[in-house]
Amino acid sequence: MDERLKQSLNRVARFYDRRKVGDVGYQGFRRSSDLKTLLNCLNRLLDEKVIIPNDSLFLDLGCADGRVNVLMSYLVKFSVGIELDEWTLEEYTALNSALSQALVREKLLPPPQNTFVFHGDAVDERIHQTIAQKTGIGFEDFDLFYTYLVMHEEFARLIAKKGKEGSVFMVYGLRNILPDYEGFRLLEDLSPLEGILALYQKN
């Protein structure tokens, strides 16, 4: 990554991490990925060709306010997110606008126009059809899938059934105990990156 891209990604991470929602309190169910932690994983993911710049297709299966999608949009061809809670997803546009303005003021790179977020249930075939209609990308076309630990087992079954061979399932929130998923192999040399991100490749 060149220096301006690195600075831009760092600014994106700082912007969203100041708006993190944790595991406790009245919004405790809204767990937010730490973008600074994910950012620390990116060079290794690029070096290992897990992410192929401007080519990989990324799908966040529970994208909340779209923060991981925005971070990944700088590196992938298309960054797509699905969120079940509509009021959570509604934060995406306002936050993305505020972030873009801040980046432009600081002469950094604004988010690319390659992100699409959808309201729906990620395990529902109808939302997959909607995504295909709107973007031309079928579920079976995605190279990278992402989730915070919530519903990881359900998502693993879905990807095992519909995802393409060789696609990678990224699970944020795994530490000492790394589960097995039928139809996947753990990328042991990479897991868990930064002590929290486990990667599984579909057989």
C-alpha atoms as a PDB file:
ATOM      1  CA  MET A   1       0.000   0.000   0.000  1.00  0.00           C
ATOM      2  CA  ASP A   2       1.259   3.461  -0.786  1.00  0.00           C
ATOM      3  CA  GLU A   3       1.531   6.064   1.960  1.00  0.00           C
ATOM      4  CA  ARG A   4      -1.608   8.020   1.068  1.00  0.00           C
ATOM      5  CA  LEU A   5      -3.702   4.850   1.083  1.00  0.00           C
ATOM      6  CA  LYS A   6      -2.242   3.850   4.461  1.00  0.00           C
ATOM      7  CA  GLN A   7      -3.052   7.285   5.893  1.00  0.00           C
ATOM      8  CA  SER A   8      -6.582   7.122   4.499  1.00  0.00           C
ATOM      9  CA  LEU A   9      -7.226   3.675   5.961  1.00  0.00           C
ATOM     10  CA  ASN A  10      -5.891   4.794   9.326  1.00  0.00           C
ATOM     11  CA  ARG A  11      -8.262   7.768   9.235  1.00  0.00           C
ATOM     12  CA  VAL A  12     -11.196   5.501   8.384  1.00  0.00           C
ATOM     13  CA  ALA A  13     -10.325   3.259  11.331  1.00  0.00           C
ATOM     14  CA  ARG A  14     -10.065   6.192  13.745  1.00  0.00           C
ATOM     15  CA  PHE A  15     -13.357   7.639  12.528  1.00  0.00           C
ATOM     16  CA  TYR A  16     -15.350   4.474  13.150  1.00  0.00           C
ATOM     17  CA  ASP A  17     -13.504   3.231  16.223  1.00  0.00           C
ATOM     18  CA  ARG A  18     -14.504   6.409  18.055  1.00  0.00           C
ATOM     19  CA  ARG A  19     -18.074   5.258  17.453  1.00  0.00           C
ATOM     20  CA  LYS A  20     -17.608   1.705  18.659  1.00  0.00           C
ATOM     21  CA  VAL A  21     -20.379  -0.173  20.448  1.00  0.00           C
ATOM     22  CA  GLY A  22     -19.238  -2.822  22.903  1.00  0.00           C
ATOM     23  CA  ASP A  23     -20.645  -5.912  24.539  1.00  0.00           C
ATOM     24  CA  VAL A  24     -22.273  -4.133  27.486  1.00  0.00           C
ATOM     25  CA  GLY A  25     -24.817  -1.389  28.051  1.00  0.00           C
ATOM     26  CA  TYR A  26     -28.165  -0.774  26.436  1.00  0.00           C
ATOM     27  CA  GLN A  27     -26.740  -1.472  22.960  1.00  0.00           C
ATOM     28  CA  GLY A  28     -24.652  -4.418  24.044  1.00  0.00           C
ATOM     29  CA  PHE A  29     -25.967  -6.611  21.245  1.00  0.00           C
ATOM     30  CA  ARG A  30     -24.402  -4.286  18.667  1.00  0.00           C
ATOM     31  CA  ARG A  31     -20.837  -5.499  18.743  1.00  0.00           C
ATOM     32  CA  SER A  32     -18.551  -3.465  16.506  1.00  0.00           C
ATOM     33  CA  SER A  33     -15.444  -4.777  14.810  1.00  0.00           C
ATOM     34  CA  ASP A  34     -12.341  -2.839  15.798  1.00  0.00           C
ATOM     35  CA  LEU A  35     -11.158  -1.379  12.503  1.00  0.00           C
ATOM     36  CA  LYS A  36      -7.680  -0.632  13.802  1.00  0.00           C
ATOM     37  CA  THR A  37      -7.309  -4.342  14.559  1.00  0.00           C
ATOM     38  CA  LEU A  38      -8.571  -5.274  11.104  1.00  0.00           C
ATOM     39  CA  LEU A  39      -6.258  -2.720   9.568  1.00  0.00           C
ATOM     40  CA  ASN A  40      -3.331  -4.448  11.260  1.00  0.00           C
ATOM     41  CA  CYS A  41      -4.385  -7.668   9.488  1.00  0.00           C
ATOM     42  CA  LEU A  42      -4.544  -6.216   5.982  1.00  0.00           C
ATOM     43  CA  ASN A  43      -0.890  -6.325   4.980  1.00  0.00           C
ATOM     44  CA  ARG A  44      -0.702 -10.029   5.800  1.00  0.00           C
ATOM     45  CA  LEU A  45      -3.948 -10.695   3.929  1.00  0.00           C
ATOM     46  CA  LEU A  46      -2.550  -8.865   0.920  1.00  0.00           C
ATOM     47  CA  ASP A  47       0.817 -10.607   1.128  1.00  0.00           C
ATOM     48  CA  GLU A  48      -0.856 -14.022   1.310  1.00  0.00           C
ATOM     49  CA  LYS A  49      -3.187 -13.088  -1.584  1.00  0.00           C
ATOM     50  CA  VAL A  50      -6.282 -13.648   0.528  1.00  0.00           C
ATOM     51  CA  ILE A  51      -7.228 -10.188  -0.713  1.00  0.00           C
ATOM     52  CA  ILE A  52      -6.402  -9.473  -4.350  1.00  0.00           C
ATOM     53  CA  PRO A  53      -6.550  -5.694  -4.838  1.00  0.00           C
ATOM     54  CA  ASN A  54      -9.287  -4.433  -7.161  1.00  0.00           C
ATOM     55  CA  ASP A  55     -10.319  -8.006  -7.919  1.00  0.00           C
ATOM     56  CA  SER A  56     -11.689  -9.677  -4.763  1.00  0.00           C
ATOM     57  CA  LEU A  57     -15.419  -9.550  -4.059  1.00  0.00           C
ATOM     58  CA  PHE A  58     -16.247  -9.029  -0.357  1.00  0.00           C
ATOM     59  CA  LEU A  59     -19.515  -9.743   1.494  1.00  0.00           C
ATOM     60  CA  ASP A  60     -20.136  -8.787   5.132  1.00  0.00           C
ATOM     61  CA  LEU A  61     -22.994 -11.010   6.303  1.00  0.00           C
ATOM     62  CA  GLY A  62     -23.936  -8.715   9.214  1.00  0.00           C
ATOM     63  CA  CYS A  63     -22.603  -5.305   8.275  1.00  0.00           C
ATOM     64  CA  ALA A  64     -24.340  -3.066  10.897  1.00  0.00           C
ATOM     65  CA  ASP A  65     -23.411   0.517   9.908  1.00  0.00           C
ATOM     66  CA  GLY A  66     -21.158  -0.687   7.088  1.00  0.00           C
ATOM     67  CA  ARG A  67     -17.828   0.153   8.706  1.00  0.00           C
ATOM     68  CA  VAL A  68     -16.010  -3.003   7.619  1.00  0.00           C
ATOM     69  CA  ASN A  69     -17.404  -2.552   4.113  1.00  0.00           C
ATOM     70  CA  VAL A  70     -15.973   0.960   3.949  1.00  0.00           C
ATOM     71  CA  LEU A  71     -12.547  -0.207   5.123  1.00  0.00           C
ATOM     72  CA  MET A  72     -12.473  -3.070   2.638  1.00  0.00           C
ATOM     73  CA  SER A  73     -13.780  -0.932  -0.234  1.00  0.00           C
ATOM     74  CA  TYR A  74     -10.323   0.576  -0.668  1.00  0.00           C
ATOM     75  CA  LEU A  75      -8.828  -2.821  -1.489  1.00  0.00           C
ATOM     76  CA  VAL A  76     -11.482  -4.938  -3.190  1.00  0.00           C
ATOM     77  CA  LYS A  77     -13.425  -4.667  -6.438  1.00  0.00           C
ATOM     78  CA  PHE A  78     -16.837  -4.587  -4.751  1.00  0.00           C
ATOM     79  CA  SER A  79     -17.723  -4.445  -1.055  1.00  0.00           C
ATOM     80  CA  VAL A  80     -21.240  -5.648  -0.226  1.00  0.00           C
ATOM     81  CA  GLY A  81     -22.997  -5.784   3.132  1.00  0.00           C
ATOM     82  CA  ILE A  82     -26.238  -7.238   4.496  1.00  0.00           C
ATOM     83  CA  GLU A  83     -27.831  -6.097   7.758  1.00  0.00           C
ATOM     84  CA  LEU A  84     -30.981  -7.424   9.408  1.00  0.00           C
ATOM     85  CA  ASP A  85     -31.610  -4.360  11.618  1.00  0.00           C
ATOM     86  CA  GLU A  86     -32.832  -1.615   9.314  1.00  0.00           C
ATOM     87  CA  TRP A  87     -32.363   1.191  11.857  1.00  0.00           C
ATOM     88  CA  THR A  88     -28.736   0.159  12.300  1.00  0.00           C
ATOM     89  CA  LEU A  89     -28.134   0.101   8.564  1.00  0.00           C
ATOM     90  CA  GLU A  90     -29.675   3.564   8.258  1.00  0.00           C
ATOM     91  CA  GLU A  91     -26.571   4.965   9.976  1.00  0.00           C
ATOM     92  CA  TYR A  92     -24.428   3.958   6.998  1.00  0.00           C
ATOM     93  CA  THR A  93     -25.239   6.916   4.734  1.00  0.00           C
ATOM     94  CA  ALA A  94     -24.789   9.676   7.322  1.00  0.00           C
ATOM     95  CA  LEU A  95     -21.555   8.188   8.652  1.00  0.00           C
ATOM     96  CA  ASN A  96     -20.164   7.601   5.183  1.00  0.00           C
ATOM     97  CA  SER A  97     -20.943  11.203   4.235  1.00  0.00           C
ATOM     98  CA  ALA A  98     -19.293  12.615   7.367  1.00  0.00           C
ATOM     99  CA  LEU A  99     -16.248  10.410   6.832  1.00  0.00           C
ATOM    100  CA  SER A 100     -15.937  11.406   3.175  1.00  0.00           C
ATOM    101  CA  GLN A 101     -16.045  15.093   4.073  1.00  0.00           C
ATOM    102  CA  ALA A 102     -13.355  14.635   6.718  1.00  0.00           C
ATOM    103  CA  LEU A 103     -11.112  12.730   4.321  1.00  0.00           C
ATOM    104  CA  VAL A 104     -11.468  15.350   1.592  1.00  0.00           C
ATOM    105  CA  ARG A 105     -10.672  18.150   4.076  1.00  0.00           C
ATOM    106  CA  GLU A 106      -7.531  16.295   5.092  1.00  0.00           C
ATOM    107  CA  LYS A 107      -6.572  15.629   1.438  1.00  0.00           C
ATOM    108  CA  LEU A 108      -6.930  11.893   1.895  1.00  0.00           C
ATOM    109  CA  LEU A 109      -8.730   9.348  -0.269  1.00  0.00           C
ATOM    110  CA  PRO A 110     -12.530   9.263   0.156  1.00  0.00           C
ATOM    111  CA  PRO A 111     -14.218   5.840   0.113  1.00  0.00           C
ATOM    112  CA  PRO A 112     -14.476   4.387  -3.401  1.00  0.00           C
ATOM    113  CA  GLN A 113     -17.941   4.181  -4.920  1.00  0.00           C
ATOM    114  CA  ASN A 114     -17.939   0.400  -4.887  1.00  0.00           C
ATOM    115  CA  THR A 115     -19.886  -0.327  -1.695  1.00  0.00           C
ATOM    116  CA  PHE A 116     -23.459  -1.631  -1.621  1.00  0.00           C
ATOM    117  CA  VAL A 117     -25.393  -2.308   1.583  1.00  0.00           C
ATOM    118  CA  PHE A 118     -28.723  -4.101   1.804  1.00  0.00           C
ATOM    119  CA  HIS A 119     -31.382  -4.566   4.457  1.00  0.00           C
ATOM    120  CA  GLY A 120     -32.308  -8.205   4.875  1.00  0.00           C
ATOM    121  CA  ASP A 121     -31.571 -11.592   6.397  1.00  0.00           C
ATOM    122  CA  ALA A 122     -28.225 -12.891   5.129  1.00  0.00           C
ATOM    123  CA  VAL A 123     -29.455 -16.491   5.138  1.00  0.00           C
ATOM    124  CA  ASP A 124     -32.554 -15.637   3.068  1.00  0.00           C
ATOM    125  CA  GLU A 125     -32.285 -16.519  -0.609  1.00  0.00           C
ATOM    126  CA  ARG A 126     -34.379 -13.461  -1.500  1.00  0.00           C
ATOM    127  CA  ILE A 127     -31.677 -11.005  -0.391  1.00  0.00           C
ATOM    128  CA  HIS A 128     -29.113 -12.929  -2.447  1.00  0.00           C
ATOM    129  CA  GLN A 129     -31.370 -12.500  -5.463  1.00  0.00           C
ATOM    130  CA  THR A 130     -31.751  -8.783  -4.742  1.00  0.00           C
ATOM    131  CA  ILE A 131     -27.973  -8.357  -4.523  1.00  0.00           C
ATOM    132  CA  ALA A 132     -27.520 -10.191  -7.819  1.00  0.00           C
ATOM    133  CA  GLN A 133     -30.142  -7.997  -9.487  1.00  0.00           C
ATOM    134  CA  LYS A 134     -28.638  -4.750  -8.160  1.00  0.00           C
ATOM    135  CA  THR A 135     -24.934  -5.544  -8.553  1.00  0.00           C
ATOM    136  CA  GLY A 136     -24.657  -8.470 -10.940  1.00  0.00           C
ATOM    137  CA  ILE A 137     -22.857 -10.448  -8.222  1.00  0.00           C
ATOM    138  CA  GLY A 138     -24.259 -13.812  -7.185  1.00  0.00           C
ATOM    139  CA  PHE A 139     -23.595 -15.324  -3.765  1.00  0.00           C
ATOM    140  CA  GLU A 140     -21.453 -17.935  -5.493  1.00  0.00           C
ATOM    141  CA  ASP A 141     -19.209 -15.199  -6.941  1.00  0.00           C
ATOM    142  CA  PHE A 142     -17.891 -13.758  -3.672  1.00  0.00           C
ATOM    143  CA  ASP A 143     -14.294 -14.466  -2.735  1.00  0.00           C
ATOM    144  CA  LEU A 144     -14.423 -13.224   0.869  1.00  0.00           C
ATOM    145  CA  PHE A 145     -17.136 -13.519   3.502  1.00  0.00           C
ATOM    146  CA  TYR A 146     -16.997 -11.735   6.855  1.00  0.00           C
ATOM    147  CA  THR A 147     -18.882 -11.854  10.121  1.00  0.00           C
ATOM    148  CA  TYR A 148     -18.531 -10.808  13.707  1.00  0.00           C
ATOM    149  CA  LEU A 149     -18.837 -13.978  15.787  1.00  0.00           C
ATOM    150  CA  VAL A 150     -22.647 -13.742  15.918  1.00  0.00           C
ATOM    151  CA  MET A 151     -24.301 -16.452  13.738  1.00  0.00           C
ATOM    152  CA  HIS A 152     -20.943 -17.766  12.541  1.00  0.00           C
ATOM    153  CA  GLU A 153     -22.171 -21.369  12.474  1.00  0.00           C
ATOM    154  CA  GLU A 154     -25.250 -20.522  10.398  1.00  0.00           C
ATOM    155  CA  PHE A 155     -23.150 -18.478   7.986  1.00  0.00           C
ATOM    156  CA  ALA A 156     -20.584 -21.264   7.668  1.00  0.00           C
ATOM    157  CA  ARG A 157     -23.340 -23.685   6.649  1.00  0.00           C
ATOM    158  CA  LEU A 158     -24.653 -21.161   4.123  1.00  0.00           C
ATOM    159  CA  ILE A 159     -21.233 -20.595   2.542  1.00  0.00           C
ATOM    160  CA  ALA A 160     -20.530 -24.337   2.525  1.00  0.00           C
ATOM    161  CA  LYS A 161     -23.754 -24.817   0.598  1.00  0.00           C
ATOM    162  CA  LYS A 162     -23.656 -21.856  -1.793  1.00  0.00           C
ATOM    163  CA  GLY A 163     -20.176 -20.312  -1.791  1.00  0.00           C
ATOM    164  CA  LYS A 164     -17.555 -21.100  -4.382  1.00  0.00           C
ATOM    165  CA  GLU A 165     -14.662 -23.443  -3.794  1.00  0.00           C
ATOM    166  CA  GLY A 166     -11.660 -21.602  -2.399  1.00  0.00           C
ATOM    167  CA  SER A 167     -13.638 -18.707  -0.970  1.00  0.00           C
ATOM    168  CA  VAL A 168     -12.538 -17.507   2.464  1.00  0.00           C
ATOM    169  CA  PHE A 169     -14.747 -17.090   5.524  1.00  0.00           C
ATOM    170  CA  MET A 170     -13.350 -14.471   7.925  1.00  0.00           C
ATOM    171  CA  VAL A 171     -14.667 -14.696  11.499  1.00  0.00           C
ATOM    172  CA  TYR A 172     -13.926 -11.785  13.834  1.00  0.00           C
ATOM    173  CA  GLY A 173     -14.079 -12.463  17.553  1.00  0.00           C
ATOM    174  CA  LEU A 174     -12.353 -15.866  17.756  1.00  0.00           C
ATOM    175  CA  ARG A 175      -9.407 -16.124  20.124  1.00  0.00           C
ATOM    176  CA  ASN A 176      -8.138 -19.259  21.834  1.00  0.00           C
ATOM    177  CA  ILE A 177     -10.749 -21.750  20.666  1.00  0.00           C
ATOM    178  CA  LEU A 178     -11.135 -22.011  16.890  1.00  0.00           C
ATOM    179  CA  PRO A 179     -14.165 -24.066  15.845  1.00  0.00           C
ATOM    180  CA  ASP A 180     -14.300 -26.536  12.977  1.00  0.00           C
ATOM    181  CA  TYR A 181     -16.788 -25.913  10.185  1.00  0.00           C
ATOM    182  CA  GLU A 182     -17.847 -28.739   7.902  1.00  0.00           C
ATOM    183  CA  GLY A 183     -16.648 -28.076   4.378  1.00  0.00           C
ATOM    184  CA  PHE A 184     -13.843 -25.696   5.431  1.00  0.00           C
ATOM    185  CA  ARG A 185     -10.229 -25.911   6.451  1.00  0.00           C
ATOM    186  CA  LEU A 186      -8.735 -23.506   8.946  1.00  0.00           C
ATOM    187  CA  LEU A 187      -5.897 -21.421   7.522  1.00  0.00           C
ATOM    188  CA  GLU A 188      -3.727 -22.243  10.490  1.00  0.00           C
ATOM    189  CA  ASP A 189      -0.761 -20.057   9.542  1.00  0.00           C
ATOM    190  CA  LEU A 190      -3.053 -17.019   9.523  1.00  0.00           C
ATOM    191  CA  SER A 191      -5.422 -17.761  12.380  1.00  0.00           C
ATOM    192  CA  PRO A 192      -6.102 -15.947  14.508  1.00  0.00           C
ATOM    193  CA  LEU A 193      -4.600 -12.771  13.054  1.00  0.00           C
ATOM    194  CA  GLU A 194      -4.102 -10.099  15.720  1.00  0.00           C
ATOM    195  CA  GLY A 195      -5.454 -12.699  18.138  1.00  0.00           C
ATOM    196  CA  ILE A 196      -9.028 -12.210  16.955  1.00  0.00           C
ATOM    197  CA  LEU A 197      -9.576 -12.902  13.221  1.00  0.00           C
ATOM    198  CA  ALA A 198      -9.781 -16.519  12.059  1.00  0.00           C
ATOM    199  CA  LEU A 199      -9.804 -17.488   8.398  1.00  0.00           C
ATOM    200  CA  TYR A 200     -11.360 -20.575   6.879  1.00  0.00           C
ATOM    201  CA  GLN A 201     -11.183 -21.677   3.249  1.00  0.00           C
ATOM    202  CA  LYS A 202     -13.981 -23.595   1.611  1.00  0.00           C
ATOM    203  CA  ASN A 203     -12.882 -27.012   0.341  1.00  0.00           C
END
